[in-house]
């Protein structure tokens, strides 16, 4: 069975800060055992990031 986690990331509009925020999120979740499944834009300045792990 898989467990899923969805996270909405609000982008600041500054490439460097946005890159660091997304990188930090991916690394933090990876350390907690989550695997990245997808990243989808959900409107102006927001991303939906979905993670999964085996339960």
PDB file of N, CA and C in Angstrom:
ATOM      1  N   UNK A   1       0.846  -1.176   0.000  1.00  0.00           N
ATOM      2  CA  UNK A   1       0.000   0.000   0.000  1.00  0.00           C
ATOM      3  C   UNK A   1       0.891   1.237   0.000  1.00  0.00           C
ATOM      4  N   UNK A   2       0.453   2.263  -0.708  1.00  0.00           N
ATOM      5  CA  UNK A   2       1.201   3.516  -0.771  1.00  0.00           C
ATOM      6  C   UNK A   2       0.485   4.613  -0.007  1.00  0.00           C
ATOM      7  N   UNK A   3       1.281   5.493   0.520  1.00  0.00           N
ATOM      8  CA  UNK A   3       0.797   6.682   1.212  1.00  0.00           C
ATOM      9  C   UNK A   3       1.234   7.876   0.362  1.00  0.00           C
ATOM     10  N   UNK A   4       0.351   8.873   0.220  1.00  0.00           N
ATOM     11  CA  UNK A   4       0.653  10.034  -0.613  1.00  0.00           C
ATOM     12  C   UNK A   4       0.609  11.302   0.218  1.00  0.00           C
ATOM     13  N   UNK A   5       1.375  12.298  -0.226  1.00  0.00           N
ATOM     14  CA  UNK A   5       1.375  13.606   0.420  1.00  0.00           C
ATOM     15  C   UNK A   5       1.405  14.657  -0.683  1.00  0.00           C
ATOM     16  N   UNK A   6       0.505  15.616  -0.617  1.00  0.00           N
ATOM     17  CA  UNK A   6       0.464  16.711  -1.586  1.00  0.00           C
ATOM     18  C   UNK A   6       0.867  18.001  -0.880  1.00  0.00           C
ATOM     19  N   UNK A   7       1.714  18.784  -1.548  1.00  0.00           N
ATOM     20  CA  UNK A   7       2.202  20.041  -0.988  1.00  0.00           C
ATOM     21  C   UNK A   7       2.027  21.125  -2.041  1.00  0.00           C
ATOM     22  N   UNK A   8       1.456  22.258  -1.648  1.00  0.00           N
ATOM     23  CA  UNK A   8       1.343  23.402  -2.546  1.00  0.00           C
ATOM     24  C   UNK A   8       2.482  24.361  -2.225  1.00  0.00           C
ATOM     25  N   UNK A   9       3.268  24.669  -3.252  1.00  0.00           N
ATOM     26  CA  UNK A   9       4.400  25.583  -3.105  1.00  0.00           C
ATOM     27  C   UNK A   9       4.019  26.905  -3.743  1.00  0.00           C
ATOM     28  N   UNK A  10       4.133  27.972  -2.989  1.00  0.00           N
ATOM     29  CA  UNK A  10       3.886  29.310  -3.520  1.00  0.00           C
ATOM     30  C   UNK A  10       5.217  29.907  -3.966  1.00  0.00           C
ATOM     31  N   UNK A  11       5.300  30.211  -5.254  1.00  0.00           N
ATOM     32  CA  UNK A  11       6.529  30.760  -5.811  1.00  0.00           C
ATOM     33  C   UNK A  11       6.589  32.263  -5.565  1.00  0.00           C
ATOM     34  N   UNK A  12       7.793  32.767  -5.351  1.00  0.00           N
ATOM     35  CA  UNK A  12       7.987  34.186  -5.054  1.00  0.00           C
ATOM     36  C   UNK A  12       8.191  35.021  -6.312  1.00  0.00           C
ATOM     37  N   UNK A  13       8.505  34.373  -7.424  1.00  0.00           N
ATOM     38  CA  UNK A  13       8.731  35.105  -8.665  1.00  0.00           C
ATOM     39  C   UNK A  13      10.191  35.465  -8.878  1.00  0.00           C
ATOM     40  N   UNK A  14      11.046  35.086  -7.953  1.00  0.00           N
ATOM     41  CA  UNK A  14      12.486  35.303  -8.090  1.00  0.00           C
ATOM     42  C   UNK A  14      13.119  33.928  -8.297  1.00  0.00           C
ATOM     43  N   UNK A  15      13.741  33.741  -9.447  1.00  0.00           N
ATOM     44  CA  UNK A  15      14.223  32.411  -9.835  1.00  0.00           C
ATOM     45  C   UNK A  15      15.094  31.765  -8.773  1.00  0.00           C
ATOM     46  N   UNK A  16      16.028  32.493  -8.224  1.00  0.00           N
ATOM     47  CA  UNK A  16      16.964  31.908  -7.247  1.00  0.00           C
ATOM     48  C   UNK A  16      16.233  31.442  -5.989  1.00  0.00           C
ATOM     49  N   UNK A  17      15.365  32.278  -5.439  1.00  0.00           N
ATOM     50  CA  UNK A  17      14.621  31.915  -4.232  1.00  0.00           C
ATOM     51  C   UNK A  17      13.663  30.761  -4.490  1.00  0.00           C
ATOM     52  N   UNK A  18      13.006  30.772  -5.642  1.00  0.00           N
ATOM     53  CA  UNK A  18      12.080  29.689  -5.981  1.00  0.00           C
ATOM     54  C   UNK A  18      12.824  28.368  -6.137  1.00  0.00           C
ATOM     55  N   UNK A  19      13.974  28.422  -6.784  1.00  0.00           N
ATOM     56  CA  UNK A  19      14.781  27.215  -6.969  1.00  0.00           C
ATOM     57  C   UNK A  19      15.212  26.651  -5.620  1.00  0.00           C
ATOM     58  N   UNK A  20      15.647  27.503  -4.725  1.00  0.00           N
ATOM     59  CA  UNK A  20      16.070  27.057  -3.396  1.00  0.00           C
ATOM     60  C   UNK A  20      14.907  26.483  -2.598  1.00  0.00           C
ATOM     61  N   UNK A  21      13.735  27.106  -2.688  1.00  0.00           N
ATOM     62  CA  UNK A  21      12.568  26.628  -1.947  1.00  0.00           C
ATOM     63  C   UNK A  21      12.151  25.233  -2.412  1.00  0.00           C
ATOM     64  N   UNK A  22      12.111  25.023  -3.722  1.00  0.00           N
ATOM     65  CA  UNK A  22      11.712  23.716  -4.253  1.00  0.00           C
ATOM     66  C   UNK A  22      12.781  22.669  -3.931  1.00  0.00           C
ATOM     67  N   UNK A  23      14.042  23.032  -4.066  1.00  0.00           N
ATOM     68  CA  UNK A  23      15.137  22.112  -3.736  1.00  0.00           C
ATOM     69  C   UNK A  23      15.082  21.712  -2.271  1.00  0.00           C
ATOM     70  N   UNK A  24      14.883  22.685  -1.389  1.00  0.00           N
ATOM     71  CA  UNK A  24      14.789  22.395   0.044  1.00  0.00           C
ATOM     72  C   UNK A  24      13.626  21.453   0.346  1.00  0.00           C
ATOM     73  N   UNK A  25      12.473  21.698  -0.284  1.00  0.00           N
ATOM     74  CA  UNK A  25      11.308  20.842  -0.076  1.00  0.00           C
ATOM     75  C   UNK A  25      11.596  19.406  -0.518  1.00  0.00           C
ATOM     76  N   UNK A  26      12.162  19.241  -1.709  1.00  0.00           N
ATOM     77  CA  UNK A  26      12.458  17.896  -2.214  1.00  0.00           C
ATOM     78  C   UNK A  26      13.458  17.176  -1.317  1.00  0.00           C
ATOM     79  N   UNK A  27      14.502  17.870  -0.893  1.00  0.00           N
ATOM     80  CA  UNK A  27      15.512  17.249  -0.027  1.00  0.00           C
ATOM     81  C   UNK A  27      14.950  16.897   1.346  1.00  0.00           C
ATOM     82  N   UNK A  28      14.143  17.786   1.905  1.00  0.00           N
ATOM     83  CA  UNK A  28      13.539  17.538   3.222  1.00  0.00           C
ATOM     84  C   UNK A  28      12.654  16.295   3.188  1.00  0.00           C
ATOM     85  N   UNK A  29      11.804  16.202   2.174  1.00  0.00           N
ATOM     86  CA  UNK A  29      10.907  15.049   2.075  1.00  0.00           C
ATOM     87  C   UNK A  29      11.683  13.765   1.801  1.00  0.00           C
ATOM     88  N   UNK A  30      12.741  13.847   1.001  1.00  0.00           N
ATOM     89  CA  UNK A  30      13.558  12.664   0.715  1.00  0.00           C
ATOM     90  C   UNK A  30      14.191  12.131   1.997  1.00  0.00           C
ATOM     91  N   UNK A  31      14.664  13.021   2.858  1.00  0.00           N
ATOM     92  CA  UNK A  31      15.244  12.589   4.134  1.00  0.00           C
ATOM     93  C   UNK A  31      14.212  11.899   5.018  1.00  0.00           C
ATOM     94  N   UNK A  32      12.938  12.246   4.834  1.00  0.00           N
ATOM     95  CA  UNK A  32      11.865  11.649   5.630  1.00  0.00           C
ATOM     96  C   UNK A  32      11.310  10.381   4.973  1.00  0.00           C
ATOM     97  N   UNK A  33      11.915   9.943   3.869  1.00  0.00           N
ATOM     98  CA  UNK A  33      11.504   8.703   3.227  1.00  0.00           C
ATOM     99  C   UNK A  33      10.471   8.852   2.123  1.00  0.00           C
ATOM    100  N   UNK A  34      10.145  10.089   1.739  1.00  0.00           N
ATOM    101  CA  UNK A  34       9.172  10.317   0.677  1.00  0.00           C
ATOM    102  C   UNK A  34       9.872  10.343  -0.676  1.00  0.00           C
ATOM    103  N   UNK A  35       9.199   9.823  -1.696  1.00  0.00           N
ATOM    104  CA  UNK A  35       9.680   9.848  -3.077  1.00  0.00           C
ATOM    105  C   UNK A  35       8.850  10.848  -3.866  1.00  0.00           C
ATOM    106  N   UNK A  36       9.507  11.593  -4.747  1.00  0.00           N
ATOM    107  CA  UNK A  36       8.821  12.575  -5.593  1.00  0.00           C
ATOM    108  C   UNK A  36       8.030  11.836  -6.670  1.00  0.00           C
ATOM    109  N   UNK A  37       6.780  12.205  -6.840  1.00  0.00           N
ATOM    110  CA  UNK A  37       5.981  11.597  -7.901  1.00  0.00           C
ATOM    111  C   UNK A  37       5.745  12.574  -9.041  1.00  0.00           C
ATOM    112  N   UNK A  38       5.323  13.807  -8.722  1.00  0.00           N
ATOM    113  CA  UNK A  38       5.039  14.764  -9.790  1.00  0.00           C
ATOM    114  C   UNK A  38       5.063  16.196  -9.271  1.00  0.00           C
ATOM    115  N   UNK A  39       5.229  17.114 -10.225  1.00  0.00           N
ATOM    116  CA  UNK A  39       5.119  18.552  -9.958  1.00  0.00           C
ATOM    117  C   UNK A  39       4.226  19.116 -11.053  1.00  0.00           C
ATOM    118  N   UNK A  40       3.151  19.799 -10.648  1.00  0.00           N
ATOM    119  CA  UNK A  40       2.204  20.356 -11.611  1.00  0.00           C
ATOM    120  C   UNK A  40       1.894  21.801 -11.269  1.00  0.00           C
ATOM    121  N   UNK A  41       1.895  22.691 -12.269  1.00  0.00           N
ATOM    122  CA  UNK A  41       1.470  24.065 -12.013  1.00  0.00           C
ATOM    123  C   UNK A  41      -0.036  24.082 -11.760  1.00  0.00           C
ATOM    124  N   UNK A  42      -0.464  24.849 -10.761  1.00  0.00           N
ATOM    125  CA  UNK A  42      -1.906  24.913 -10.456  1.00  0.00           C
ATOM    126  C   UNK A  42      -2.378  26.357 -10.404  1.00  0.00           C
ATOM    127  N   UNK A  43      -1.867  27.135 -11.286  1.00  0.00           N
ATOM    128  CA  UNK A  43      -2.240  28.539 -11.301  1.00  0.00           C
ATOM    129  C   UNK A  43      -0.988  29.388 -11.239  1.00  0.00           C
ATOM    130  N   UNK A  44      -1.209  30.646 -11.320  1.00  0.00           N
ATOM    131  CA  UNK A  44      -0.088  31.583 -11.353  1.00  0.00           C
ATOM    132  C   UNK A  44       0.677  31.571 -10.034  1.00  0.00           C
ATOM    133  N   UNK A  45       1.936  31.196 -10.118  1.00  0.00           N
ATOM    134  CA  UNK A  45       2.794  31.261  -8.945  1.00  0.00           C
ATOM    135  C   UNK A  45       2.631  30.140  -7.942  1.00  0.00           C
ATOM    136  N   UNK A  46       1.989  29.027  -8.343  1.00  0.00           N
ATOM    137  CA  UNK A  46       1.827  27.903  -7.406  1.00  0.00           C
ATOM    138  C   UNK A  46       2.108  26.582  -8.112  1.00  0.00           C
ATOM    139  N   UNK A  47       2.695  25.667  -7.351  1.00  0.00           N
ATOM    140  CA  UNK A  47       2.962  24.318  -7.841  1.00  0.00           C
ATOM    141  C   UNK A  47       2.357  23.313  -6.883  1.00  0.00           C
ATOM    142  N   UNK A  48       1.838  22.235  -7.425  1.00  0.00           N
ATOM    143  CA  UNK A  48       1.382  21.110  -6.618  1.00  0.00           C
ATOM    144  C   UNK A  48       2.443  20.026  -6.733  1.00  0.00           C
ATOM    145  N   UNK A  49       3.073  19.695  -5.614  1.00  0.00           N
ATOM    146  CA  UNK A  49       4.114  18.671  -5.581  1.00  0.00           C
ATOM    147  C   UNK A  49       3.539  17.463  -4.849  1.00  0.00           C
ATOM    148  N   UNK A  50       3.609  16.290  -5.482  1.00  0.00           N
ATOM    149  CA  UNK A  50       3.060  15.070  -4.897  1.00  0.00           C
ATOM    150  C   UNK A  50       4.207  14.112  -4.580  1.00  0.00           C
ATOM    151  N   UNK A  51       4.175  13.586  -3.357  1.00  0.00           N
ATOM    152  CA  UNK A  51       5.160  12.620  -2.885  1.00  0.00           C
ATOM    153  C   UNK A  51       4.439  11.334  -2.518  1.00  0.00           C
ATOM    154  N   UNK A  52       5.182  10.213  -2.505  1.00  0.00           N
ATOM    155  CA  UNK A  52       4.621   8.938  -2.060  1.00  0.00           C
ATOM    156  C   UNK A  52       5.680   8.164  -1.286  1.00  0.00           C
ATOM    157  N   UNK A  53       5.200   7.221  -0.497  1.00  0.00           N
ATOM    158  CA  UNK A  53       6.084   6.253   0.156  1.00  0.00           C
ATOM    159  C   UNK A  53       5.276   4.999   0.426  1.00  0.00           C
ATOM    160  N   UNK A  54       5.984   3.892   0.508  1.00  0.00           N
ATOM    161  CA  UNK A  54       5.315   2.633   0.818  1.00  0.00           C
ATOM    162  C   UNK A  54       4.992   2.601   2.301  1.00  0.00           C
ATOM    163  N   UNK A  55       3.755   2.265   2.609  1.00  0.00           N
ATOM    164  CA  UNK A  55       3.308   2.266   4.004  1.00  0.00           C
ATOM    165  C   UNK A  55       3.573   0.929   4.660  1.00  0.00           C
TER     166      UNK A  55
END
